[in-house]
């Protein structure tokens, strides 16, 4: 890991443990929001619903890694579904909020919480999910972390979101930089689809399907990938 990468992690941890925690815990919760932030909440809810649908089609349980768990919305939902969840986040305040939410929901015994960056996770999981996390990392780190997540995925699916590069999103991000400070979100890093596909292929995975989630000021691409041998077996092409 380069010095720049280490500094970027420190910056992200500081943001999501400070003002970022205040902003995103409000978005993930039920607090009144401005019109702009309300569209982000609604877009995030649409994305979570799509992830839940895709997972329900492929898995009814097993081990699941929630890489970048935030305040625990997804971890708790999956624990309720019967998954044994490992939830990790770079920001201690996010982990504390997620633990409190899991206790309140009565599923704390089905979730193992960790505070740290994604590179501190070991082992393998039946499903790996990383939502609205990789969008905060520049290309070099994105490639490294995507590869790591693929390695942690025993069979699949691997689901994650990223910000695909296009001129419209670039314009939105530019406009966002001119909003009042209390309306800005963390800087978003755009990654071309070609780069994402190449990284996954090098890790022995293939893209099964994608969905563009676009609502107000929330714009991401959701991707589901599986191991190449898993795809071949399901299609009956293996010997």
C-alpha atoms as a PDB file:
ATOM      1  CA  UNK A   1       0.000   0.000   0.000  1.00  0.00           C
ATOM      2  CA  UNK A   2       1.397   3.388  -0.995  1.00  0.00           C
ATOM      3  CA  UNK A   3       1.758   6.403   1.285  1.00  0.00           C
ATOM      4  CA  UNK A   4      -0.986   8.135  -0.705  1.00  0.00           C
ATOM      5  CA  UNK A   5      -3.338   5.191  -0.132  1.00  0.00           C
ATOM      6  CA  UNK A   6      -2.654   5.208   3.600  1.00  0.00           C
ATOM      7  CA  UNK A   7      -3.295   8.951   3.765  1.00  0.00           C
ATOM      8  CA  UNK A   8      -6.539   8.511   1.821  1.00  0.00           C
ATOM      9  CA  UNK A   9      -7.750   5.904   4.316  1.00  0.00           C
ATOM     10  CA  UNK A  10      -6.990   8.232   7.214  1.00  0.00           C
ATOM     11  CA  UNK A  11      -8.922  10.985   5.456  1.00  0.00           C
ATOM     12  CA  UNK A  12     -11.933   8.722   4.881  1.00  0.00           C
ATOM     13  CA  UNK A  13     -11.904   7.474   8.457  1.00  0.00           C
ATOM     14  CA  UNK A  14     -11.786  11.037   9.755  1.00  0.00           C
ATOM     15  CA  UNK A  15     -14.685  12.078   7.522  1.00  0.00           C
ATOM     16  CA  UNK A  16     -16.964   9.123   8.285  1.00  0.00           C
ATOM     17  CA  UNK A  17     -16.148   9.295  11.968  1.00  0.00           C
ATOM     18  CA  UNK A  18     -16.985  13.015  12.073  1.00  0.00           C
ATOM     19  CA  UNK A  19     -19.194  15.170   9.886  1.00  0.00           C
ATOM     20  CA  UNK A  20     -19.746  12.238   7.512  1.00  0.00           C
ATOM     21  CA  UNK A  21     -21.254  10.202  10.336  1.00  0.00           C
ATOM     22  CA  UNK A  22     -23.671  13.007  11.175  1.00  0.00           C
ATOM     23  CA  UNK A  23     -24.738  13.377   7.530  1.00  0.00           C
ATOM     24  CA  UNK A  24     -25.007   9.718   6.601  1.00  0.00           C
ATOM     25  CA  UNK A  25     -26.624   8.493   9.812  1.00  0.00           C
ATOM     26  CA  UNK A  26     -29.350  11.045   9.103  1.00  0.00           C
ATOM     27  CA  UNK A  27     -29.703   9.846   5.503  1.00  0.00           C
ATOM     28  CA  UNK A  28     -29.790   6.192   6.578  1.00  0.00           C
ATOM     29  CA  UNK A  29     -32.288   6.950   9.339  1.00  0.00           C
ATOM     30  CA  UNK A  30     -35.656   8.692   9.524  1.00  0.00           C
ATOM     31  CA  UNK A  31     -34.599  12.261  10.321  1.00  0.00           C
ATOM     32  CA  UNK A  32     -36.102  15.119   8.258  1.00  0.00           C
ATOM     33  CA  UNK A  33     -33.888  15.948   5.296  1.00  0.00           C
ATOM     34  CA  UNK A  34     -33.441  18.641   2.687  1.00  0.00           C
ATOM     35  CA  UNK A  35     -34.798  17.882  -0.779  1.00  0.00           C
ATOM     36  CA  UNK A  36     -31.329  17.031  -2.089  1.00  0.00           C
ATOM     37  CA  UNK A  37     -30.489  14.617   0.708  1.00  0.00           C
ATOM     38  CA  UNK A  38     -33.963  13.087   0.543  1.00  0.00           C
ATOM     39  CA  UNK A  39     -33.284  11.975  -3.041  1.00  0.00           C
ATOM     40  CA  UNK A  40     -30.054  10.339  -1.831  1.00  0.00           C
ATOM     41  CA  UNK A  41     -31.969   8.457   0.881  1.00  0.00           C
ATOM     42  CA  UNK A  42     -34.594   7.333  -1.621  1.00  0.00           C
ATOM     43  CA  UNK A  43     -31.957   6.251  -4.144  1.00  0.00           C
ATOM     44  CA  UNK A  44     -30.095   4.338  -1.456  1.00  0.00           C
ATOM     45  CA  UNK A  45     -33.310   2.557  -0.489  1.00  0.00           C
ATOM     46  CA  UNK A  46     -33.914   1.592  -4.128  1.00  0.00           C
ATOM     47  CA  UNK A  47     -30.393   0.169  -4.313  1.00  0.00           C
ATOM     48  CA  UNK A  48     -30.820  -1.867  -1.108  1.00  0.00           C
ATOM     49  CA  UNK A  49     -34.105  -3.281  -2.390  1.00  0.00           C
ATOM     50  CA  UNK A  50     -32.392  -4.428  -5.592  1.00  0.00           C
ATOM     51  CA  UNK A  51     -29.560  -6.069  -3.655  1.00  0.00           C
ATOM     52  CA  UNK A  52     -32.058  -7.837  -1.422  1.00  0.00           C
ATOM     53  CA  UNK A  53     -33.958  -9.120  -4.467  1.00  0.00           C
ATOM     54  CA  UNK A  54     -30.851 -10.453  -6.192  1.00  0.00           C
ATOM     55  CA  UNK A  55     -29.577 -12.149  -3.036  1.00  0.00           C
ATOM     56  CA  UNK A  56     -32.959 -13.760  -2.395  1.00  0.00           C
ATOM     57  CA  UNK A  57     -32.753 -15.325  -5.866  1.00  0.00           C
ATOM     58  CA  UNK A  58     -29.401 -16.975  -5.199  1.00  0.00           C
ATOM     59  CA  UNK A  59     -29.019 -17.548  -1.440  1.00  0.00           C
ATOM     60  CA  UNK A  60     -31.267 -18.210   1.533  1.00  0.00           C
ATOM     61  CA  UNK A  61     -28.474 -18.123   4.106  1.00  0.00           C
ATOM     62  CA  UNK A  62     -24.817 -18.807   4.772  1.00  0.00           C
ATOM     63  CA  UNK A  63     -21.956 -16.488   5.639  1.00  0.00           C
ATOM     64  CA  UNK A  64     -22.006 -12.923   4.357  1.00  0.00           C
ATOM     65  CA  UNK A  65     -19.470 -10.124   4.494  1.00  0.00           C
ATOM     66  CA  UNK A  66     -20.910  -6.610   4.672  1.00  0.00           C
ATOM     67  CA  UNK A  67     -17.819  -4.638   3.686  1.00  0.00           C
ATOM     68  CA  UNK A  68     -18.434  -1.062   4.802  1.00  0.00           C
ATOM     69  CA  UNK A  69     -21.495  -1.669   6.972  1.00  0.00           C
ATOM     70  CA  UNK A  70     -22.181   1.951   7.913  1.00  0.00           C
ATOM     71  CA  UNK A  71     -24.934   2.157  10.518  1.00  0.00           C
ATOM     72  CA  UNK A  72     -25.904  -1.475   9.985  1.00  0.00           C
ATOM     73  CA  UNK A  73     -29.037  -1.248   7.831  1.00  0.00           C
ATOM     74  CA  UNK A  74     -28.017  -4.019   5.457  1.00  0.00           C
ATOM     75  CA  UNK A  75     -26.262  -6.173   8.075  1.00  0.00           C
ATOM     76  CA  UNK A  76     -29.370  -6.266  10.242  1.00  0.00           C
ATOM     77  CA  UNK A  77     -31.636  -6.983   7.267  1.00  0.00           C
ATOM     78  CA  UNK A  78     -29.454  -9.933   6.237  1.00  0.00           C
ATOM     79  CA  UNK A  79     -29.211 -11.279   9.791  1.00  0.00           C
ATOM     80  CA  UNK A  80     -32.991 -11.268   9.895  1.00  0.00           C
ATOM     81  CA  UNK A  81     -32.939 -13.269   6.656  1.00  0.00           C
ATOM     82  CA  UNK A  82     -30.817 -15.962   8.311  1.00  0.00           C
ATOM     83  CA  UNK A  83     -27.284 -15.027   7.235  1.00  0.00           C
ATOM     84  CA  UNK A  84     -24.309 -15.171   9.594  1.00  0.00           C
ATOM     85  CA  UNK A  85     -22.930 -11.679   8.968  1.00  0.00           C
ATOM     86  CA  UNK A  86     -19.456 -10.227   9.380  1.00  0.00           C
ATOM     87  CA  UNK A  87     -19.801  -6.434   9.315  1.00  0.00           C
ATOM     88  CA  UNK A  88     -16.821  -4.117   9.052  1.00  0.00           C
ATOM     89  CA  UNK A  89     -16.448  -0.361   8.746  1.00  0.00           C
ATOM     90  CA  UNK A  90     -13.495   2.003   8.772  1.00  0.00           C
ATOM     91  CA  UNK A  91     -15.207   4.466  11.158  1.00  0.00           C
ATOM     92  CA  UNK A  92     -15.600   3.523  14.849  1.00  0.00           C
ATOM     93  CA  UNK A  93     -18.776   5.633  15.218  1.00  0.00           C
ATOM     94  CA  UNK A  94     -20.397   3.763  12.337  1.00  0.00           C
ATOM     95  CA  UNK A  95     -19.595   0.419  13.955  1.00  0.00           C
ATOM     96  CA  UNK A  96     -20.935   1.598  17.319  1.00  0.00           C
ATOM     97  CA  UNK A  97     -24.170   2.759  15.687  1.00  0.00           C
ATOM     98  CA  UNK A  98     -24.493  -0.545  13.812  1.00  0.00           C
ATOM     99  CA  UNK A  99     -23.965  -2.538  17.015  1.00  0.00           C
ATOM    100  CA  UNK A 100     -26.632  -0.517  18.803  1.00  0.00           C
ATOM    101  CA  UNK A 101     -29.047  -1.041  15.912  1.00  0.00           C
ATOM    102  CA  UNK A 102     -28.376  -4.804  15.879  1.00  0.00           C
ATOM    103  CA  UNK A 103     -29.013  -4.986  19.623  1.00  0.00           C
ATOM    104  CA  UNK A 104     -32.267  -3.083  19.208  1.00  0.00           C
ATOM    105  CA  UNK A 105     -33.310  -5.392  16.354  1.00  0.00           C
ATOM    106  CA  UNK A 106     -32.514  -8.498  18.386  1.00  0.00           C
ATOM    107  CA  UNK A 107     -30.003  -9.951  15.903  1.00  0.00           C
ATOM    108  CA  UNK A 108     -26.685  -8.996  17.513  1.00  0.00           C
ATOM    109  CA  UNK A 109     -25.854 -12.673  18.017  1.00  0.00           C
ATOM    110  CA  UNK A 110     -25.877 -13.202  14.236  1.00  0.00           C
ATOM    111  CA  UNK A 111     -23.497 -10.352  13.399  1.00  0.00           C
ATOM    112  CA  UNK A 112     -19.758 -10.147  14.085  1.00  0.00           C
ATOM    113  CA  UNK A 113     -18.688  -6.517  14.048  1.00  0.00           C
ATOM    114  CA  UNK A 114     -15.209  -5.304  13.177  1.00  0.00           C
ATOM    115  CA  UNK A 115     -13.680  -1.834  13.008  1.00  0.00           C
ATOM    116  CA  UNK A 116     -10.992  -1.462  10.351  1.00  0.00           C
ATOM    117  CA  UNK A 117     -10.368  -1.102   6.640  1.00  0.00           C
ATOM    118  CA  UNK A 118     -11.387  -3.730   4.110  1.00  0.00           C
ATOM    119  CA  UNK A 119      -7.851  -5.086   3.864  1.00  0.00           C
ATOM    120  CA  UNK A 120      -8.032  -6.282   7.472  1.00  0.00           C
ATOM    121  CA  UNK A 121     -10.711  -8.881   6.633  1.00  0.00           C
ATOM    122  CA  UNK A 122      -9.559 -12.491   6.336  1.00  0.00           C
ATOM    123  CA  UNK A 123     -11.265 -15.756   5.474  1.00  0.00           C
ATOM    124  CA  UNK A 124     -13.897 -16.501   2.854  1.00  0.00           C
ATOM    125  CA  UNK A 125     -17.649 -16.001   2.689  1.00  0.00           C
ATOM    126  CA  UNK A 126     -20.573 -17.406   0.753  1.00  0.00           C
ATOM    127  CA  UNK A 127     -21.568 -13.881  -0.295  1.00  0.00           C
ATOM    128  CA  UNK A 128     -19.689 -10.578  -0.228  1.00  0.00           C
ATOM    129  CA  UNK A 129     -21.444  -7.220  -0.407  1.00  0.00           C
ATOM    130  CA  UNK A 130     -19.832  -3.775  -0.590  1.00  0.00           C
ATOM    131  CA  UNK A 131     -22.292  -0.926  -1.013  1.00  0.00           C
ATOM    132  CA  UNK A 132     -21.428   2.733  -1.642  1.00  0.00           C
ATOM    133  CA  UNK A 133     -17.869   2.231  -0.384  1.00  0.00           C
ATOM    134  CA  UNK A 134     -15.659   1.733  -3.439  1.00  0.00           C
ATOM    135  CA  UNK A 135     -17.019   4.995  -4.881  1.00  0.00           C
ATOM    136  CA  UNK A 136     -14.749   6.801  -2.410  1.00  0.00           C
ATOM    137  CA  UNK A 137     -11.488   5.232  -3.631  1.00  0.00           C
ATOM    138  CA  UNK A 138      -9.312   6.300  -6.606  1.00  0.00           C
ATOM    139  CA  UNK A 139      -8.615   3.765  -9.329  1.00  0.00           C
ATOM    140  CA  UNK A 140      -5.508   2.108  -7.880  1.00  0.00           C
ATOM    141  CA  UNK A 141      -7.202   1.497  -4.546  1.00  0.00           C
ATOM    142  CA  UNK A 142     -10.452   0.516  -6.268  1.00  0.00           C
ATOM    143  CA  UNK A 143      -8.639  -2.189  -8.236  1.00  0.00           C
ATOM    144  CA  UNK A 144      -6.834  -3.488  -5.147  1.00  0.00           C
ATOM    145  CA  UNK A 145      -9.958  -3.583  -2.984  1.00  0.00           C
ATOM    146  CA  UNK A 146     -12.133  -5.125  -5.702  1.00  0.00           C
ATOM    147  CA  UNK A 147      -9.572  -7.892  -6.109  1.00  0.00           C
ATOM    148  CA  UNK A 148      -9.494  -8.456  -2.351  1.00  0.00           C
ATOM    149  CA  UNK A 149     -13.289  -8.678  -2.162  1.00  0.00           C
ATOM    150  CA  UNK A 150     -13.291 -11.216  -4.996  1.00  0.00           C
ATOM    151  CA  UNK A 151     -10.722 -13.283  -3.099  1.00  0.00           C
ATOM    152  CA  UNK A 152     -12.939 -13.268  -0.006  1.00  0.00           C
ATOM    153  CA  UNK A 153     -15.874 -14.593  -2.045  1.00  0.00           C
ATOM    154  CA  UNK A 154     -15.904 -18.395  -1.930  1.00  0.00           C
ATOM    155  CA  UNK A 155     -18.510 -19.007  -4.621  1.00  0.00           C
ATOM    156  CA  UNK A 156     -20.591 -15.884  -4.959  1.00  0.00           C
ATOM    157  CA  UNK A 157     -22.328 -13.714  -5.404  1.00  0.00           C
ATOM    158  CA  UNK A 158     -20.134 -10.665  -5.042  1.00  0.00           C
ATOM    159  CA  UNK A 159     -22.229  -7.506  -5.125  1.00  0.00           C
ATOM    160  CA  UNK A 160     -20.888  -3.980  -5.042  1.00  0.00           C
ATOM    161  CA  UNK A 161     -21.666  -0.486  -6.243  1.00  0.00           C
ATOM    162  CA  UNK A 162     -19.426   1.904  -8.108  1.00  0.00           C
ATOM    163  CA  UNK A 163     -19.732   5.193  -9.962  1.00  0.00           C
ATOM    164  CA  UNK A 164     -19.299   4.559 -13.700  1.00  0.00           C
ATOM    165  CA  UNK A 165     -17.627   7.315 -15.650  1.00  0.00           C
ATOM    166  CA  UNK A 166     -19.847   9.456 -17.861  1.00  0.00           C
ATOM    167  CA  UNK A 167     -20.135  13.148 -18.593  1.00  0.00           C
ATOM    168  CA  UNK A 168     -23.478  13.563 -16.839  1.00  0.00           C
ATOM    169  CA  UNK A 169     -22.136  12.205 -13.555  1.00  0.00           C
ATOM    170  CA  UNK A 170     -19.002  14.299 -13.933  1.00  0.00           C
ATOM    171  CA  UNK A 171     -21.214  17.378 -14.284  1.00  0.00           C
ATOM    172  CA  UNK A 172     -23.267  16.425 -11.231  1.00  0.00           C
ATOM    173  CA  UNK A 173     -20.121  15.960  -9.165  1.00  0.00           C
ATOM    174  CA  UNK A 174     -18.836  19.323 -10.348  1.00  0.00           C
ATOM    175  CA  UNK A 175     -22.124  20.956  -9.390  1.00  0.00           C
ATOM    176  CA  UNK A 176     -22.031  19.208  -6.036  1.00  0.00           C
ATOM    177  CA  UNK A 177     -18.729  20.875  -5.276  1.00  0.00           C
ATOM    178  CA  UNK A 178     -20.483  24.233  -5.473  1.00  0.00           C
ATOM    179  CA  UNK A 179     -23.256  23.376  -3.009  1.00  0.00           C
ATOM    180  CA  UNK A 180     -23.142  24.863   0.497  1.00  0.00           C
ATOM    181  CA  UNK A 181     -20.805  22.780   2.646  1.00  0.00           C
ATOM    182  CA  UNK A 182     -23.618  21.307   4.724  1.00  0.00           C
ATOM    183  CA  UNK A 183     -25.154  19.765   1.580  1.00  0.00           C
ATOM    184  CA  UNK A 184     -21.990  18.246   0.110  1.00  0.00           C
ATOM    185  CA  UNK A 185     -21.211  14.554   0.191  1.00  0.00           C
ATOM    186  CA  UNK A 186     -17.797  12.903   0.219  1.00  0.00           C
ATOM    187  CA  UNK A 187     -15.873  13.092  -3.034  1.00  0.00           C
ATOM    188  CA  UNK A 188     -16.980  10.442  -5.523  1.00  0.00           C
ATOM    189  CA  UNK A 189     -14.433   8.639  -7.693  1.00  0.00           C
ATOM    190  CA  UNK A 190     -15.693   7.477 -11.087  1.00  0.00           C
ATOM    191  CA  UNK A 191     -14.433   4.198 -12.566  1.00  0.00           C
ATOM    192  CA  UNK A 192     -14.927   3.120 -16.217  1.00  0.00           C
ATOM    193  CA  UNK A 193     -16.914  -0.105 -16.739  1.00  0.00           C
ATOM    194  CA  UNK A 194     -13.980  -1.517 -18.697  1.00  0.00           C
ATOM    195  CA  UNK A 195     -11.700  -1.272 -15.663  1.00  0.00           C
ATOM    196  CA  UNK A 196     -14.261  -2.992 -13.419  1.00  0.00           C
ATOM    197  CA  UNK A 197     -14.715  -5.881 -15.866  1.00  0.00           C
ATOM    198  CA  UNK A 198     -10.956  -6.335 -16.292  1.00  0.00           C
ATOM    199  CA  UNK A 199     -10.328  -6.410 -12.543  1.00  0.00           C
ATOM    200  CA  UNK A 200     -13.039  -9.002 -11.963  1.00  0.00           C
ATOM    201  CA  UNK A 201     -11.854 -11.161 -14.878  1.00  0.00           C
ATOM    202  CA  UNK A 202      -8.318 -11.142 -13.486  1.00  0.00           C
ATOM    203  CA  UNK A 203      -9.758 -12.345 -10.159  1.00  0.00           C
ATOM    204  CA  UNK A 204     -11.560 -15.243 -11.863  1.00  0.00           C
ATOM    205  CA  UNK A 205     -15.020 -13.705 -11.736  1.00  0.00           C
ATOM    206  CA  UNK A 206     -17.501 -12.638 -14.365  1.00  0.00           C
ATOM    207  CA  UNK A 207     -20.298 -10.099 -14.291  1.00  0.00           C
ATOM    208  CA  UNK A 208     -23.693 -11.759 -14.104  1.00  0.00           C
ATOM    209  CA  UNK A 209     -25.851  -8.623 -14.180  1.00  0.00           C
ATOM    210  CA  UNK A 210     -25.855  -4.912 -13.447  1.00  0.00           C
ATOM    211  CA  UNK A 211     -28.427  -2.263 -12.615  1.00  0.00           C
ATOM    212  CA  UNK A 212     -28.187   1.495 -12.912  1.00  0.00           C
ATOM    213  CA  UNK A 213     -29.729   3.170  -9.878  1.00  0.00           C
ATOM    214  CA  UNK A 214     -30.464   6.797 -10.678  1.00  0.00           C
ATOM    215  CA  UNK A 215     -32.677   8.910  -8.469  1.00  0.00           C
ATOM    216  CA  UNK A 216     -32.251  12.617  -7.917  1.00  0.00           C
ATOM    217  CA  UNK A 217     -28.677  13.120  -6.720  1.00  0.00           C
ATOM    218  CA  UNK A 218     -28.034   9.405  -6.186  1.00  0.00           C
ATOM    219  CA  UNK A 219     -26.367   7.755  -9.202  1.00  0.00           C
ATOM    220  CA  UNK A 220     -24.501   4.448  -8.988  1.00  0.00           C
ATOM    221  CA  UNK A 221     -24.172   1.143 -10.806  1.00  0.00           C
ATOM    222  CA  UNK A 222     -24.908  -2.047  -8.890  1.00  0.00           C
ATOM    223  CA  UNK A 223     -23.046  -5.136 -10.071  1.00  0.00           C
ATOM    224  CA  UNK A 224     -23.353  -8.835  -9.299  1.00  0.00           C
ATOM    225  CA  UNK A 225     -20.429 -11.125 -10.108  1.00  0.00           C
ATOM    226  CA  UNK A 226     -19.885 -14.853  -9.673  1.00  0.00           C
ATOM    227  CA  UNK A 227     -16.916 -17.138 -10.117  1.00  0.00           C
ATOM    228  CA  UNK A 228     -16.442 -18.264 -13.700  1.00  0.00           C
ATOM    229  CA  UNK A 229     -16.616 -21.936 -12.736  1.00  0.00           C
ATOM    230  CA  UNK A 230     -19.890 -21.294 -10.885  1.00  0.00           C
ATOM    231  CA  UNK A 231     -21.404 -19.732 -13.991  1.00  0.00           C
ATOM    232  CA  UNK A 232     -20.248 -22.618 -16.160  1.00  0.00           C
ATOM    233  CA  UNK A 233     -21.611 -25.201 -13.748  1.00  0.00           C
ATOM    234  CA  UNK A 234     -25.010 -23.516 -13.616  1.00  0.00           C
ATOM    235  CA  UNK A 235     -25.110 -23.378 -17.391  1.00  0.00           C
ATOM    236  CA  UNK A 236     -24.173 -27.057 -17.618  1.00  0.00           C
ATOM    237  CA  UNK A 237     -20.984 -26.368 -19.575  1.00  0.00           C
ATOM    238  CA  UNK A 238     -18.530 -28.021 -17.195  1.00  0.00           C
ATOM    239  CA  UNK A 239     -17.525 -31.667 -17.665  1.00  0.00           C
END
